[in-house]
Amino acid sequence: MRWILAVTLAALLGGCADDPTDPEAFATFVVEVGGEVFRVEVATGEQAQALEERRTSGIRGVVSGTLRAGDGGFNAPWSWHLDAATVEAADLSIELCDGRPSMVEADLEYWTRTVKLFCPWGAKVVARE
């Protein structure tokens, strides 16, 4: 009985230790580029913090990641998404992966099999969902 009580108490206290100022892991952000929007999901608080800083500053730059087929459950109406573990905010990237969401959609096989990355220049994080 004491063991069950100890495990239950530890679980409850562990849940209370979260710092409410830390960004959420697995947050979703809306990114605008070239008048089009797409959504990215991030896997860590560090990624969320980097995108949140971009959002609040209004600075345009590169939001990049590895392309995956399917909307991932968050990037509709597009039939692709960025792998959450690979999303990052950068100042620069190679030209090969620059584009608009509609360009990826129009030639999804080329983008996912050959380019494999999406890193639009001039991307602006406009919202956190």
N, C-alpha and C. Protein backbone atom coordinates (compact mmCIF):
# COMPACT_ATOMS: atom_id res chain seq x y z
N MET A 1 0.82 -1.19 0.00
CA MET A 1 0.00 0.00 0.00
C MET A 1 0.87 1.26 0.00
N ARG A 2 1.92 1.27 0.82
CA ARG A 2 2.80 2.43 0.86
C ARG A 2 3.47 2.65 -0.50
N TRP A 3 3.80 1.55 -1.17
CA TRP A 3 4.46 1.64 -2.47
C TRP A 3 3.53 2.33 -3.47
N ILE A 4 2.26 1.95 -3.50
CA ILE A 4 1.28 2.56 -4.41
C ILE A 4 1.12 4.05 -4.09
N LEU A 5 1.03 4.36 -2.82
CA LEU A 5 0.91 5.76 -2.39
C LEU A 5 2.14 6.57 -2.80
N ALA A 6 3.33 6.00 -2.66
CA ALA A 6 4.56 6.69 -3.01
C ALA A 6 4.64 6.95 -4.52
N VAL A 7 4.25 5.95 -5.32
CA VAL A 7 4.28 6.11 -6.77
C VAL A 7 3.26 7.16 -7.21
N THR A 8 2.07 7.13 -6.64
CA THR A 8 1.03 8.09 -6.97
C THR A 8 1.46 9.51 -6.59
N LEU A 9 2.01 9.67 -5.40
CA LEU A 9 2.47 10.98 -4.94
C LEU A 9 3.60 11.51 -5.83
N ALA A 10 4.53 10.64 -6.21
CA ALA A 10 5.65 11.06 -7.07
C ALA A 10 5.13 11.51 -8.43
N ALA A 11 4.15 10.80 -8.97
CA ALA A 11 3.58 11.18 -10.26
C ALA A 11 2.89 12.54 -10.18
N LEU A 12 2.14 12.76 -9.10
CA LEU A 12 1.45 14.04 -8.94
C LEU A 12 2.42 15.19 -8.76
N LEU A 13 3.44 15.00 -7.95
CA LEU A 13 4.41 16.05 -7.71
C LEU A 13 5.26 16.32 -8.95
N GLY A 14 5.59 15.28 -9.69
CA GLY A 14 6.35 15.45 -10.93
C GLY A 14 5.60 16.30 -11.92
N GLY A 15 4.29 16.15 -12.00
CA GLY A 15 3.48 16.96 -12.91
C GLY A 15 3.42 18.41 -12.48
N CYS A 16 3.62 18.71 -11.20
CA CYS A 16 3.56 20.08 -10.71
C CYS A 16 4.88 20.80 -10.87
N ALA A 17 5.93 20.09 -11.24
CA ALA A 17 7.25 20.71 -11.32
C ALA A 17 7.47 21.47 -12.62
N ASP A 18 6.55 21.37 -13.57
CA ASP A 18 6.71 22.06 -14.84
C ASP A 18 6.71 23.57 -14.65
N ASP A 19 7.62 24.24 -15.34
CA ASP A 19 7.70 25.69 -15.31
C ASP A 19 6.73 26.24 -16.35
N PRO A 20 5.70 26.98 -15.97
CA PRO A 20 4.73 27.46 -16.94
C PRO A 20 5.29 28.45 -17.95
N THR A 21 6.51 28.94 -17.73
CA THR A 21 7.10 29.86 -18.70
C THR A 21 7.87 29.11 -19.79
N ASP A 22 8.10 27.80 -19.61
CA ASP A 22 8.77 27.02 -20.64
C ASP A 22 7.83 26.79 -21.81
N PRO A 23 8.34 26.90 -23.06
CA PRO A 23 7.49 26.62 -24.22
C PRO A 23 7.06 25.16 -24.22
N GLU A 24 5.89 24.89 -24.75
CA GLU A 24 5.40 23.53 -24.85
C GLU A 24 6.15 22.74 -25.90
N ALA A 25 6.41 21.49 -25.60
CA ALA A 25 6.91 20.60 -26.64
C ALA A 25 5.71 20.23 -27.50
N PHE A 26 5.97 19.91 -28.73
CA PHE A 26 4.94 19.55 -29.69
C PHE A 26 3.95 20.69 -29.94
N ALA A 27 4.46 21.89 -29.96
CA ALA A 27 3.66 23.06 -30.32
C ALA A 27 3.54 23.14 -31.83
N THR A 28 2.48 23.81 -32.30
CA THR A 28 2.27 24.00 -33.73
C THR A 28 2.36 25.49 -34.03
N PHE A 29 3.07 25.84 -35.10
CA PHE A 29 3.24 27.22 -35.52
C PHE A 29 2.78 27.39 -36.96
N VAL A 30 2.25 28.56 -37.26
CA VAL A 30 1.83 28.92 -38.61
C VAL A 30 2.94 29.78 -39.21
N VAL A 31 3.37 29.41 -40.41
CA VAL A 31 4.46 30.09 -41.09
C VAL A 31 3.95 30.63 -42.42
N GLU A 32 4.27 31.89 -42.71
CA GLU A 32 3.87 32.52 -43.97
C GLU A 32 5.10 32.73 -44.84
N VAL A 33 4.95 32.41 -46.11
CA VAL A 33 6.02 32.67 -47.08
C VAL A 33 5.38 32.91 -48.44
N GLY A 34 5.74 34.01 -49.06
CA GLY A 34 5.23 34.31 -50.40
C GLY A 34 3.72 34.39 -50.47
N GLY A 35 3.08 34.85 -49.39
CA GLY A 35 1.63 34.97 -49.37
C GLY A 35 0.89 33.67 -49.12
N GLU A 36 1.61 32.60 -48.84
CA GLU A 36 1.02 31.30 -48.52
C GLU A 36 1.39 30.90 -47.10
N VAL A 37 0.58 30.07 -46.48
CA VAL A 37 0.89 29.62 -45.13
C VAL A 37 0.96 28.10 -45.07
N PHE A 38 1.78 27.63 -44.15
CA PHE A 38 1.85 26.21 -43.82
C PHE A 38 2.08 26.12 -42.32
N ARG A 39 1.91 24.94 -41.78
CA ARG A 39 2.06 24.73 -40.34
C ARG A 39 3.21 23.77 -40.07
N VAL A 40 3.92 24.03 -39.00
CA VAL A 40 4.96 23.12 -38.54
C VAL A 40 4.67 22.75 -37.10
N GLU A 41 4.99 21.54 -36.77
CA GLU A 41 4.92 21.08 -35.40
C GLU A 41 6.35 20.85 -34.95
N VAL A 42 6.66 21.19 -33.70
CA VAL A 42 8.00 21.00 -33.18
C VAL A 42 7.99 19.96 -32.07
N ALA A 43 9.13 19.32 -31.87
CA ALA A 43 9.22 18.20 -30.94
C ALA A 43 9.83 18.56 -29.59
N THR A 44 10.43 19.75 -29.49
CA THR A 44 11.10 20.11 -28.23
C THR A 44 10.78 21.54 -27.81
N GLY A 45 10.99 21.80 -26.56
CA GLY A 45 10.81 23.14 -26.04
C GLY A 45 11.82 24.12 -26.65
N GLU A 46 13.02 23.64 -26.93
CA GLU A 46 14.05 24.49 -27.55
C GLU A 46 13.60 24.95 -28.95
N GLN A 47 13.04 24.03 -29.73
CA GLN A 47 12.53 24.40 -31.05
C GLN A 47 11.38 25.40 -30.90
N ALA A 48 10.48 25.12 -29.97
CA ALA A 48 9.33 26.00 -29.76
C ALA A 48 9.80 27.40 -29.36
N GLN A 49 10.81 27.47 -28.52
CA GLN A 49 11.32 28.77 -28.09
C GLN A 49 11.91 29.54 -29.27
N ALA A 50 12.65 28.86 -30.15
CA ALA A 50 13.25 29.52 -31.32
C ALA A 50 12.17 30.07 -32.24
N LEU A 51 11.11 29.29 -32.48
CA LEU A 51 10.04 29.76 -33.35
C LEU A 51 9.21 30.85 -32.67
N GLU A 52 9.03 30.74 -31.37
CA GLU A 52 8.30 31.78 -30.64
C GLU A 52 9.07 33.10 -30.68
N GLU A 53 10.38 33.04 -30.57
CA GLU A 53 11.19 34.26 -30.67
C GLU A 53 11.06 34.89 -32.06
N ARG A 54 11.01 34.05 -33.09
CA ARG A 54 10.79 34.56 -34.44
C ARG A 54 9.42 35.22 -34.55
N ARG A 55 8.42 34.59 -33.96
CA ARG A 55 7.06 35.12 -34.03
C ARG A 55 6.97 36.48 -33.35
N THR A 56 7.50 36.58 -32.15
CA THR A 56 7.36 37.84 -31.41
C THR A 56 8.21 38.95 -31.98
N SER A 57 9.33 38.61 -32.60
CA SER A 57 10.20 39.63 -33.18
C SER A 57 9.72 40.09 -34.56
N GLY A 58 8.97 39.23 -35.25
CA GLY A 58 8.52 39.55 -36.59
C GLY A 58 9.60 39.41 -37.65
N ILE A 59 10.76 38.92 -37.26
CA ILE A 59 11.87 38.76 -38.19
C ILE A 59 11.58 37.64 -39.18
N ARG A 60 11.86 37.93 -40.44
CA ARG A 60 11.76 36.90 -41.48
C ARG A 60 13.09 36.18 -41.59
N GLY A 61 13.03 34.91 -41.91
CA GLY A 61 14.24 34.12 -42.06
C GLY A 61 13.88 32.81 -42.71
N VAL A 62 14.52 31.75 -42.29
CA VAL A 62 14.29 30.43 -42.83
C VAL A 62 13.70 29.55 -41.74
N VAL A 63 12.62 28.86 -42.06
CA VAL A 63 12.09 27.80 -41.21
C VAL A 63 12.24 26.54 -42.04
N SER A 64 13.04 25.60 -41.57
CA SER A 64 13.37 24.45 -42.40
C SER A 64 13.12 23.14 -41.68
N GLY A 65 13.10 22.07 -42.48
CA GLY A 65 12.96 20.74 -41.94
C GLY A 65 12.88 19.71 -43.04
N THR A 66 12.92 18.45 -42.64
CA THR A 66 12.84 17.34 -43.58
C THR A 66 11.39 17.12 -43.99
N LEU A 67 11.18 17.02 -45.29
CA LEU A 67 9.84 16.82 -45.83
C LEU A 67 9.36 15.39 -45.65
N ARG A 68 8.09 15.25 -45.33
CA ARG A 68 7.41 13.96 -45.22
C ARG A 68 6.09 14.05 -45.97
N ALA A 69 5.68 12.96 -46.58
CA ALA A 69 4.39 12.91 -47.26
C ALA A 69 3.26 12.89 -46.24
N GLY A 70 2.10 13.39 -46.61
CA GLY A 70 0.95 13.45 -45.72
C GLY A 70 0.96 14.75 -44.94
N ASP A 71 -0.22 15.17 -44.51
CA ASP A 71 -0.28 16.47 -43.80
C ASP A 71 0.17 16.38 -42.34
N GLY A 72 0.47 15.19 -41.85
CA GLY A 72 0.94 15.01 -40.48
C GLY A 72 -0.12 15.25 -39.43
N GLY A 73 -1.34 15.51 -39.86
CA GLY A 73 -2.42 15.80 -38.93
C GLY A 73 -2.50 17.27 -38.54
N PHE A 74 -1.65 18.11 -39.12
CA PHE A 74 -1.64 19.53 -38.74
C PHE A 74 -1.38 20.48 -39.90
N ASN A 75 -0.98 19.98 -41.08
CA ASN A 75 -0.60 20.87 -42.17
C ASN A 75 -1.58 20.85 -43.34
N ALA A 76 -2.85 20.60 -43.07
CA ALA A 76 -3.86 20.65 -44.13
C ALA A 76 -4.01 22.10 -44.59
N PRO A 77 -4.24 22.38 -45.83
CA PRO A 77 -4.66 21.45 -46.87
C PRO A 77 -3.52 20.82 -47.65
N TRP A 78 -2.29 21.05 -47.25
CA TRP A 78 -1.15 20.49 -47.97
C TRP A 78 -1.03 19.00 -47.72
N SER A 79 -0.50 18.27 -48.70
CA SER A 79 -0.34 16.82 -48.56
C SER A 79 1.11 16.47 -48.19
N TRP A 80 1.73 17.34 -47.41
CA TRP A 80 3.10 17.15 -46.93
C TRP A 80 3.24 17.87 -45.59
N HIS A 81 4.29 17.56 -44.88
CA HIS A 81 4.60 18.26 -43.63
C HIS A 81 6.09 18.15 -43.36
N LEU A 82 6.57 18.92 -42.41
CA LEU A 82 7.96 18.82 -41.98
C LEU A 82 8.04 17.92 -40.76
N ASP A 83 9.03 17.06 -40.73
CA ASP A 83 9.27 16.17 -39.59
C ASP A 83 9.57 17.05 -38.37
N ALA A 84 8.75 16.93 -37.33
CA ALA A 84 8.85 17.80 -36.15
C ALA A 84 10.25 17.79 -35.52
N ALA A 85 10.91 16.66 -35.53
CA ALA A 85 12.22 16.55 -34.90
C ALA A 85 13.30 17.32 -35.66
N THR A 86 13.01 17.71 -36.92
CA THR A 86 14.03 18.36 -37.74
C THR A 86 13.78 19.84 -37.98
N VAL A 87 12.69 20.38 -37.45
CA VAL A 87 12.33 21.78 -37.70
C VAL A 87 13.31 22.71 -36.98
N GLU A 88 13.77 23.72 -37.72
CA GLU A 88 14.64 24.73 -37.10
C GLU A 88 14.45 26.08 -37.76
N ALA A 89 14.79 27.10 -37.02
CA ALA A 89 14.78 28.48 -37.52
C ALA A 89 16.23 28.85 -37.80
N ALA A 90 16.48 29.26 -39.04
CA ALA A 90 17.85 29.59 -39.44
C ALA A 90 17.85 30.95 -40.12
N ASP A 91 19.02 31.54 -40.22
CA ASP A 91 19.15 32.81 -40.91
C ASP A 91 19.37 32.59 -42.40
N LEU A 92 20.05 31.50 -42.77
CA LEU A 92 20.39 31.21 -44.15
C LEU A 92 20.19 29.73 -44.45
N SER A 93 20.01 29.41 -45.74
CA SER A 93 19.96 28.02 -46.18
C SER A 93 20.33 27.96 -47.65
N ILE A 94 20.48 26.75 -48.17
CA ILE A 94 20.81 26.60 -49.58
C ILE A 94 19.59 26.92 -50.43
N GLU A 95 19.82 27.34 -51.65
CA GLU A 95 18.74 27.74 -52.54
C GLU A 95 17.89 26.56 -53.00
N LEU A 96 18.46 25.38 -53.07
CA LEU A 96 17.76 24.20 -53.59
C LEU A 96 16.43 23.94 -52.88
N CYS A 97 16.37 24.17 -51.57
CA CYS A 97 15.16 23.85 -50.82
C CYS A 97 14.26 25.05 -50.58
N ASP A 98 14.59 26.20 -51.19
CA ASP A 98 13.76 27.39 -51.09
C ASP A 98 12.54 27.26 -51.99
N GLY A 99 11.42 27.78 -51.55
CA GLY A 99 10.21 27.75 -52.38
C GLY A 99 9.00 28.15 -51.57
N ARG A 100 7.85 27.96 -52.19
CA ARG A 100 6.57 28.22 -51.53
C ARG A 100 5.87 26.88 -51.28
N PRO A 101 4.95 26.82 -50.35
CA PRO A 101 4.23 25.58 -50.10
C PRO A 101 3.58 24.99 -51.35
N SER A 102 3.03 25.85 -52.20
CA SER A 102 2.37 25.36 -53.41
C SER A 102 3.37 24.70 -54.37
N MET A 103 4.62 25.13 -54.36
CA MET A 103 5.64 24.50 -55.20
C MET A 103 5.90 23.07 -54.74
N VAL A 104 5.96 22.86 -53.43
CA VAL A 104 6.14 21.51 -52.89
C VAL A 104 4.93 20.66 -53.28
N GLU A 105 3.76 21.20 -53.10
CA GLU A 105 2.52 20.47 -53.40
C GLU A 105 2.46 20.08 -54.88
N ALA A 106 2.88 20.98 -55.76
CA ALA A 106 2.77 20.74 -57.20
C ALA A 106 3.70 19.63 -57.69
N ASP A 107 4.80 19.37 -56.99
CA ASP A 107 5.74 18.34 -57.41
C ASP A 107 6.25 17.58 -56.18
N LEU A 108 5.31 17.03 -55.44
CA LEU A 108 5.60 16.40 -54.15
C LEU A 108 6.64 15.29 -54.25
N GLU A 109 6.55 14.47 -55.26
CA GLU A 109 7.51 13.37 -55.39
C GLU A 109 8.93 13.90 -55.53
N TYR A 110 9.14 14.90 -56.35
CA TYR A 110 10.48 15.50 -56.52
C TYR A 110 10.97 16.07 -55.19
N TRP A 111 10.12 16.82 -54.51
CA TRP A 111 10.54 17.46 -53.26
C TRP A 111 10.85 16.43 -52.17
N THR A 112 10.01 15.40 -52.02
CA THR A 112 10.21 14.44 -50.94
C THR A 112 11.31 13.43 -51.25
N ARG A 113 11.50 13.09 -52.53
CA ARG A 113 12.50 12.06 -52.87
C ARG A 113 13.85 12.62 -53.29
N THR A 114 13.87 13.81 -53.88
CA THR A 114 15.13 14.36 -54.37
C THR A 114 15.65 15.47 -53.46
N VAL A 115 14.85 16.49 -53.25
CA VAL A 115 15.29 17.63 -52.42
C VAL A 115 15.31 17.22 -50.95
N LYS A 116 14.25 16.61 -50.49
CA LYS A 116 14.09 16.07 -49.13
C LYS A 116 13.96 17.11 -48.02
N LEU A 117 14.20 18.37 -48.33
CA LEU A 117 14.11 19.44 -47.34
C LEU A 117 13.23 20.56 -47.88
N PHE A 118 12.64 21.31 -46.98
CA PHE A 118 11.94 22.53 -47.35
C PHE A 118 12.50 23.61 -46.45
N CYS A 119 13.03 24.67 -47.07
CA CYS A 119 13.65 25.74 -46.29
C CYS A 119 13.37 27.08 -46.96
N PRO A 120 12.12 27.51 -46.95
CA PRO A 120 11.77 28.74 -47.64
C PRO A 120 12.45 29.97 -47.03
N TRP A 121 13.01 30.77 -47.91
CA TRP A 121 13.63 32.03 -47.49
C TRP A 121 12.53 33.05 -47.23
N GLY A 122 12.75 33.95 -46.36
CA GLY A 122 11.79 35.00 -46.08
C GLY A 122 10.55 34.52 -45.35
N ALA A 123 10.66 33.38 -44.67
CA ALA A 123 9.52 32.83 -43.93
C ALA A 123 9.29 33.64 -42.66
N LYS A 124 8.03 33.85 -42.33
CA LYS A 124 7.67 34.59 -41.12
C LYS A 124 6.74 33.73 -40.28
N VAL A 125 7.11 33.52 -39.02
CA VAL A 125 6.25 32.78 -38.10
C VAL A 125 5.17 33.76 -37.65
N VAL A 126 3.92 33.48 -38.02
CA VAL A 126 2.85 34.44 -37.76
C VAL A 126 1.93 34.08 -36.60
N ALA A 127 1.95 32.82 -36.17
CA ALA A 127 1.05 32.43 -35.06
C ALA A 127 1.53 31.14 -34.41
N ARG A 128 1.11 30.97 -33.18
CA ARG A 128 1.31 29.72 -32.45
C ARG A 128 -0.07 29.20 -32.12
N GLU A 129 -0.30 27.95 -32.46
CA GLU A 129 -1.64 27.38 -32.23
C GLU A 129 -1.66 26.49 -31.01
